[in-house]
Amino acid sequence: SSGINAEYGGDFVDEFHQRLKFIRRGLVAMANNGSPDSNGSQFFVTLGETPELQQKHTIFGKVSGNTIFNVLRMAELEVDSNERPLEPPMINRTEVLNNPFDDIQPRKSRHVKTEKKEKKKKSQMK
């Protein structure tokens, strides 16, 4: 196995909260294999209200600001018979806007480090 499952010892348990409900677009939740406590490393973003997912998937975030318009564009993608995009969208960057864990600091983006290295190289070439 690879990814988060291997790093953290396999699947992890569901975490439901009565105030977190699938009542809007842009919610980010864990995908699972259809059985309880089978969360792995895959997630999905809702495109609208999906009450049928309540108490089946762990909600852990939401898309905010103007980025929601990118989510809405996903609804226009061509899909197969299982409703999976023929050309899946890619997430290039994420940002934690509200970190509820004071003791955990978000990692610095690799993209930012690459830009700094390129600027340094350019300044050395002059």
N, C-alpha and C. Protein backbone atom coordinates (compact mmCIF):
# COMPACT_ATOMS: atom_id res chain seq x y z
N SER A 1 0.84 -1.18 0.00
CA SER A 1 0.00 0.00 0.00
C SER A 1 0.88 1.23 0.00
N SER A 2 0.35 2.34 -0.48
CA SER A 2 1.15 3.56 -0.57
C SER A 2 0.35 4.73 -0.03
N GLY A 3 0.98 5.87 0.00
CA GLY A 3 0.31 7.08 0.43
C GLY A 3 0.08 7.12 1.92
N ILE A 4 -0.95 7.85 2.31
CA ILE A 4 -1.23 8.08 3.73
C ILE A 4 -1.56 6.78 4.46
N ASN A 5 -2.20 5.83 3.78
CA ASN A 5 -2.55 4.57 4.42
C ASN A 5 -1.32 3.85 4.95
N ALA A 6 -0.27 3.78 4.16
CA ALA A 6 0.95 3.10 4.57
C ALA A 6 1.66 3.89 5.67
N GLU A 7 1.69 5.20 5.53
CA GLU A 7 2.40 6.04 6.50
C GLU A 7 1.76 5.99 7.88
N TYR A 8 0.44 5.92 7.95
CA TYR A 8 -0.25 5.94 9.23
C TYR A 8 -0.85 4.60 9.62
N GLY A 9 -0.45 3.53 8.98
CA GLY A 9 -0.87 2.20 9.41
C GLY A 9 -2.21 1.74 8.89
N GLY A 10 -2.66 2.21 7.77
CA GLY A 10 -3.91 1.72 7.18
C GLY A 10 -5.05 2.70 7.30
N ASP A 11 -6.25 2.18 7.08
CA ASP A 11 -7.45 3.02 7.11
C ASP A 11 -7.69 3.58 8.51
N PHE A 12 -8.48 4.65 8.58
CA PHE A 12 -8.80 5.22 9.88
C PHE A 12 -10.29 5.39 10.04
N VAL A 13 -10.72 5.56 11.28
CA VAL A 13 -12.14 5.53 11.62
C VAL A 13 -12.88 6.78 11.15
N ASP A 14 -14.20 6.62 10.99
CA ASP A 14 -15.07 7.72 10.64
C ASP A 14 -15.16 8.69 11.81
N GLU A 15 -15.31 9.97 11.50
CA GLU A 15 -15.50 11.00 12.52
C GLU A 15 -16.69 11.84 12.09
N PHE A 16 -17.83 11.62 12.73
CA PHE A 16 -19.05 12.36 12.40
C PHE A 16 -19.36 13.36 13.51
N HIS A 17 -19.92 14.49 13.12
CA HIS A 17 -20.35 15.49 14.09
C HIS A 17 -21.73 15.96 13.66
N GLN A 18 -22.62 16.10 14.63
CA GLN A 18 -24.01 16.44 14.31
C GLN A 18 -24.17 17.79 13.61
N ARG A 19 -23.20 18.69 13.77
CA ARG A 19 -23.30 20.01 13.13
C ARG A 19 -22.72 20.02 11.71
N LEU A 20 -21.98 18.98 11.34
CA LEU A 20 -21.40 18.91 9.99
C LEU A 20 -22.31 18.06 9.12
N LYS A 21 -22.95 18.71 8.16
CA LYS A 21 -23.91 18.01 7.30
C LYS A 21 -23.65 18.34 5.84
N PHE A 22 -24.00 17.42 4.99
CA PHE A 22 -23.84 17.59 3.54
C PHE A 22 -24.99 18.43 2.99
N ILE A 23 -24.96 19.73 3.30
CA ILE A 23 -26.08 20.60 2.92
C ILE A 23 -25.68 21.68 1.92
N ARG A 24 -24.45 21.63 1.41
CA ARG A 24 -24.01 22.67 0.46
C ARG A 24 -22.91 22.16 -0.44
N ARG A 25 -22.65 22.92 -1.48
CA ARG A 25 -21.55 22.60 -2.38
C ARG A 25 -20.23 23.02 -1.74
N GLY A 26 -19.15 22.41 -2.20
CA GLY A 26 -17.83 22.80 -1.75
C GLY A 26 -17.34 22.13 -0.48
N LEU A 27 -18.06 21.14 0.04
CA LEU A 27 -17.58 20.42 1.22
C LEU A 27 -16.55 19.38 0.79
N VAL A 28 -15.52 19.20 1.61
CA VAL A 28 -14.47 18.23 1.32
C VAL A 28 -14.61 17.10 2.34
N ALA A 29 -14.72 15.87 1.83
CA ALA A 29 -14.95 14.72 2.71
C ALA A 29 -14.11 13.52 2.27
N MET A 30 -13.93 12.60 3.20
CA MET A 30 -13.16 11.39 2.92
C MET A 30 -13.99 10.41 2.09
N ALA A 31 -13.35 9.83 1.09
CA ALA A 31 -13.96 8.74 0.34
C ALA A 31 -13.65 7.46 1.10
N ASN A 32 -14.50 6.46 0.97
CA ASN A 32 -14.24 5.17 1.61
C ASN A 32 -14.70 4.06 0.70
N ASN A 33 -14.54 2.82 1.15
CA ASN A 33 -14.92 1.70 0.29
C ASN A 33 -16.36 1.24 0.50
N GLY A 34 -17.14 2.05 1.21
CA GLY A 34 -18.55 1.73 1.43
C GLY A 34 -18.83 1.07 2.76
N SER A 35 -17.80 0.73 3.50
CA SER A 35 -18.00 0.14 4.82
C SER A 35 -17.48 1.11 5.89
N PRO A 36 -18.01 1.00 7.10
CA PRO A 36 -17.59 1.92 8.16
C PRO A 36 -16.08 1.86 8.43
N ASP A 37 -15.54 3.01 8.82
CA ASP A 37 -14.13 3.12 9.25
C ASP A 37 -13.14 2.66 8.19
N SER A 38 -13.42 2.94 6.94
CA SER A 38 -12.52 2.53 5.84
C SER A 38 -11.94 3.74 5.10
N ASN A 39 -11.73 4.84 5.82
CA ASN A 39 -11.16 6.04 5.22
C ASN A 39 -9.70 5.81 4.88
N GLY A 40 -9.31 6.22 3.69
CA GLY A 40 -7.93 6.07 3.25
C GLY A 40 -7.34 7.41 2.89
N SER A 41 -6.85 7.52 1.67
CA SER A 41 -6.20 8.76 1.27
C SER A 41 -6.98 9.51 0.19
N GLN A 42 -8.15 9.03 -0.18
CA GLN A 42 -8.92 9.70 -1.22
C GLN A 42 -10.02 10.56 -0.60
N PHE A 43 -10.36 11.63 -1.30
CA PHE A 43 -11.40 12.54 -0.82
C PHE A 43 -12.22 13.00 -2.00
N PHE A 44 -13.32 13.69 -1.71
CA PHE A 44 -14.16 14.24 -2.77
C PHE A 44 -14.68 15.61 -2.33
N VAL A 45 -15.16 16.37 -3.31
CA VAL A 45 -15.73 17.69 -3.07
C VAL A 45 -17.17 17.65 -3.57
N THR A 46 -18.10 18.11 -2.74
CA THR A 46 -19.51 18.08 -3.14
C THR A 46 -19.81 19.22 -4.11
N LEU A 47 -20.73 18.93 -5.03
CA LEU A 47 -21.16 19.92 -6.01
C LEU A 47 -22.54 20.48 -5.66
N GLY A 48 -23.11 19.98 -4.59
CA GLY A 48 -24.43 20.43 -4.14
C GLY A 48 -24.81 19.70 -2.87
N GLU A 49 -26.05 19.84 -2.46
CA GLU A 49 -26.56 19.16 -1.27
C GLU A 49 -26.59 17.65 -1.53
N THR A 50 -26.07 16.86 -0.60
CA THR A 50 -26.02 15.40 -0.76
C THR A 50 -26.36 14.71 0.57
N PRO A 51 -27.62 14.78 1.01
CA PRO A 51 -28.00 14.21 2.32
C PRO A 51 -27.79 12.69 2.39
N GLU A 52 -27.76 12.02 1.25
CA GLU A 52 -27.56 10.57 1.27
C GLU A 52 -26.17 10.16 1.75
N LEU A 53 -25.25 11.13 1.83
CA LEU A 53 -23.89 10.83 2.30
C LEU A 53 -23.73 11.03 3.81
N GLN A 54 -24.76 11.57 4.46
CA GLN A 54 -24.70 11.85 5.89
C GLN A 54 -24.44 10.58 6.70
N GLN A 55 -23.55 10.66 7.67
CA GLN A 55 -23.15 9.55 8.54
C GLN A 55 -22.48 8.40 7.78
N LYS A 56 -22.03 8.69 6.55
CA LYS A 56 -21.31 7.69 5.75
C LYS A 56 -19.91 8.15 5.40
N HIS A 57 -19.68 9.47 5.37
CA HIS A 57 -18.39 10.04 5.00
C HIS A 57 -18.01 11.15 5.97
N THR A 58 -16.74 11.22 6.31
CA THR A 58 -16.23 12.23 7.24
C THR A 58 -15.95 13.54 6.51
N ILE A 59 -16.63 14.61 6.91
CA ILE A 59 -16.38 15.94 6.36
C ILE A 59 -15.19 16.53 7.11
N PHE A 60 -14.19 17.02 6.35
CA PHE A 60 -13.03 17.59 7.03
C PHE A 60 -12.62 18.97 6.53
N GLY A 61 -13.38 19.53 5.61
CA GLY A 61 -13.02 20.86 5.12
C GLY A 61 -14.06 21.39 4.17
N LYS A 62 -13.77 22.59 3.66
CA LYS A 62 -14.66 23.19 2.66
C LYS A 62 -13.83 24.10 1.76
N VAL A 63 -14.32 24.24 0.56
CA VAL A 63 -13.71 25.15 -0.41
C VAL A 63 -14.28 26.53 -0.11
N SER A 64 -13.42 27.53 -0.06
CA SER A 64 -13.91 28.86 0.30
C SER A 64 -13.49 29.91 -0.71
N GLY A 65 -14.11 31.06 -0.61
CA GLY A 65 -13.78 32.18 -1.48
C GLY A 65 -14.11 31.91 -2.94
N ASN A 66 -13.40 32.59 -3.82
CA ASN A 66 -13.65 32.46 -5.26
C ASN A 66 -13.28 31.09 -5.81
N THR A 67 -12.55 30.30 -5.05
CA THR A 67 -12.19 28.96 -5.50
C THR A 67 -13.42 28.10 -5.74
N ILE A 68 -14.54 28.44 -5.12
CA ILE A 68 -15.77 27.68 -5.32
C ILE A 68 -16.17 27.66 -6.80
N PHE A 69 -15.77 28.69 -7.55
CA PHE A 69 -16.12 28.72 -8.97
C PHE A 69 -15.38 27.62 -9.74
N ASN A 70 -14.18 27.26 -9.30
CA ASN A 70 -13.47 26.13 -9.90
C ASN A 70 -14.20 24.83 -9.62
N VAL A 71 -14.77 24.72 -8.42
CA VAL A 71 -15.55 23.52 -8.07
C VAL A 71 -16.77 23.43 -8.98
N LEU A 72 -17.43 24.54 -9.21
CA LEU A 72 -18.61 24.54 -10.07
C LEU A 72 -18.26 24.11 -11.50
N ARG A 73 -17.07 24.48 -11.96
CA ARG A 73 -16.63 24.06 -13.30
C ARG A 73 -16.46 22.54 -13.38
N MET A 74 -16.16 21.90 -12.24
CA MET A 74 -16.04 20.43 -12.23
C MET A 74 -17.35 19.75 -12.59
N ALA A 75 -18.45 20.39 -12.28
CA ALA A 75 -19.77 19.82 -12.59
C ALA A 75 -19.98 19.72 -14.10
N GLU A 76 -19.21 20.46 -14.88
CA GLU A 76 -19.36 20.46 -16.33
C GLU A 76 -18.47 19.43 -17.03
N LEU A 77 -17.63 18.73 -16.26
CA LEU A 77 -16.71 17.76 -16.86
C LEU A 77 -17.46 16.57 -17.43
N GLU A 78 -16.93 16.01 -18.50
CA GLU A 78 -17.50 14.80 -19.09
C GLU A 78 -17.15 13.61 -18.19
N VAL A 79 -18.15 12.77 -17.88
CA VAL A 79 -17.95 11.65 -16.97
C VAL A 79 -18.29 10.31 -17.63
N ASP A 80 -17.79 9.24 -17.00
CA ASP A 80 -18.10 7.89 -17.49
C ASP A 80 -19.39 7.37 -16.83
N SER A 81 -19.70 6.11 -17.02
CA SER A 81 -20.94 5.54 -16.48
C SER A 81 -20.95 5.48 -14.95
N ASN A 82 -19.79 5.60 -14.32
CA ASN A 82 -19.70 5.62 -12.85
C ASN A 82 -19.61 7.04 -12.30
N GLU A 83 -19.87 8.02 -13.16
CA GLU A 83 -19.83 9.44 -12.81
C GLU A 83 -18.43 9.91 -12.40
N ARG A 84 -17.41 9.27 -12.94
CA ARG A 84 -16.03 9.71 -12.71
C ARG A 84 -15.57 10.49 -13.93
N PRO A 85 -14.87 11.62 -13.72
CA PRO A 85 -14.42 12.43 -14.85
C PRO A 85 -13.50 11.67 -15.79
N LEU A 86 -13.73 11.83 -17.09
CA LEU A 86 -12.85 11.20 -18.07
C LEU A 86 -11.45 11.81 -18.00
N GLU A 87 -11.39 13.10 -17.73
CA GLU A 87 -10.12 13.79 -17.52
C GLU A 87 -10.18 14.45 -16.15
N PRO A 88 -9.73 13.73 -15.10
CA PRO A 88 -9.85 14.25 -13.73
C PRO A 88 -9.12 15.58 -13.54
N PRO A 89 -9.74 16.50 -12.82
CA PRO A 89 -9.09 17.78 -12.53
C PRO A 89 -7.92 17.57 -11.57
N MET A 90 -6.97 18.47 -11.59
CA MET A 90 -5.79 18.38 -10.72
C MET A 90 -5.84 19.53 -9.72
N ILE A 91 -5.43 19.23 -8.50
CA ILE A 91 -5.29 20.27 -7.47
C ILE A 91 -3.83 20.67 -7.45
N ASN A 92 -3.55 21.91 -7.80
CA ASN A 92 -2.18 22.39 -7.87
C ASN A 92 -1.68 22.95 -6.56
N ARG A 93 -2.60 23.44 -5.73
CA ARG A 93 -2.18 24.09 -4.49
C ARG A 93 -3.33 24.11 -3.50
N THR A 94 -3.03 23.96 -2.23
CA THR A 94 -4.03 24.12 -1.18
C THR A 94 -3.48 25.07 -0.14
N GLU A 95 -4.37 25.63 0.65
CA GLU A 95 -3.97 26.54 1.71
C GLU A 95 -4.89 26.33 2.91
N VAL A 96 -4.32 26.18 4.08
CA VAL A 96 -5.10 26.04 5.30
C VAL A 96 -5.42 27.45 5.78
N LEU A 97 -6.71 27.80 5.77
CA LEU A 97 -7.12 29.15 6.18
C LEU A 97 -7.42 29.23 7.66
N ASN A 98 -7.86 28.13 8.23
CA ASN A 98 -8.16 28.08 9.65
C ASN A 98 -7.67 26.76 10.18
N ASN A 99 -6.56 26.77 10.88
CA ASN A 99 -5.98 25.55 11.42
C ASN A 99 -6.42 25.39 12.87
N PRO A 100 -7.28 24.40 13.17
CA PRO A 100 -7.76 24.23 14.54
C PRO A 100 -6.72 23.60 15.48
N PHE A 101 -5.57 23.21 14.95
CA PHE A 101 -4.55 22.56 15.75
C PHE A 101 -3.36 23.51 15.93
N ASP A 102 -3.31 24.18 17.07
CA ASP A 102 -2.26 25.16 17.34
C ASP A 102 -0.85 24.57 17.30
N ASP A 103 -0.73 23.29 17.63
CA ASP A 103 0.59 22.67 17.71
C ASP A 103 1.09 22.14 16.36
N ILE A 104 0.26 22.20 15.32
CA ILE A 104 0.67 21.72 14.00
C ILE A 104 0.76 22.90 13.05
N GLN A 105 1.92 23.11 12.49
CA GLN A 105 2.11 24.19 11.53
C GLN A 105 2.05 23.64 10.11
N PRO A 106 1.31 24.29 9.20
CA PRO A 106 1.24 23.82 7.81
C PRO A 106 2.63 23.82 7.18
N ARG A 107 2.88 22.84 6.32
CA ARG A 107 4.14 22.78 5.59
C ARG A 107 4.24 23.92 4.61
N LYS A 108 5.44 24.36 4.36
CA LYS A 108 5.66 25.38 3.34
C LYS A 108 5.52 24.73 1.98
N SER A 109 4.98 25.46 1.05
CA SER A 109 4.75 24.94 -0.30
C SER A 109 6.06 24.70 -1.03
N ARG A 110 6.17 23.57 -1.70
CA ARG A 110 7.34 23.29 -2.53
C ARG A 110 7.42 24.27 -3.69
N HIS A 111 6.25 24.70 -4.16
CA HIS A 111 6.18 25.64 -5.29
C HIS A 111 6.90 26.94 -4.93
N VAL A 112 6.69 27.42 -3.72
CA VAL A 112 7.33 28.66 -3.28
C VAL A 112 8.84 28.48 -3.23
N LYS A 113 9.30 27.34 -2.72
CA LYS A 113 10.74 27.08 -2.65
C LYS A 113 11.36 27.05 -4.04
N THR A 114 10.67 26.45 -5.00
CA THR A 114 11.16 26.37 -6.37
C THR A 114 11.28 27.77 -6.96
N GLU A 115 10.27 28.62 -6.73
CA GLU A 115 10.32 29.98 -7.25
C GLU A 115 11.52 30.74 -6.67
N LYS A 116 11.79 30.57 -5.37
CA LYS A 116 12.90 31.26 -4.74
C LYS A 116 14.23 30.80 -5.33
N LYS A 117 14.37 29.49 -5.57
CA LYS A 117 15.59 28.95 -6.17
C LYS A 117 15.81 29.53 -7.56
N GLU A 118 14.72 29.62 -8.35
CA GLU A 118 14.83 30.15 -9.72
C GLU A 118 15.24 31.62 -9.68
N LYS A 119 14.68 32.41 -8.77
CA LYS A 119 15.04 33.82 -8.65
C LYS A 119 16.51 33.96 -8.25
N LYS A 120 16.96 33.09 -7.35
CA LYS A 120 18.35 33.13 -6.90
C LYS A 120 19.29 32.81 -8.06
N LYS A 121 18.94 31.79 -8.85
CA LYS A 121 19.75 31.42 -10.01
C LYS A 121 19.82 32.57 -11.01
N LYS A 122 18.69 33.22 -11.27
CA LYS A 122 18.65 34.33 -12.22
C LYS A 122 19.52 35.49 -11.74
N SER A 123 19.47 35.78 -10.43
CA SER A 123 20.25 36.89 -9.91
C SER A 123 21.75 36.57 -9.95
N GLN A 124 22.11 35.28 -9.83
CA GLN A 124 23.51 34.88 -9.90
C GLN A 124 24.03 34.94 -11.33
N MET A 125 23.14 34.80 -12.32
CA MET A 125 23.54 34.82 -13.73
C MET A 125 23.88 36.23 -14.21
N LYS A 126 23.39 37.24 -13.55
CA LYS A 126 23.60 38.62 -13.99
C LYS A 126 24.99 39.11 -13.74
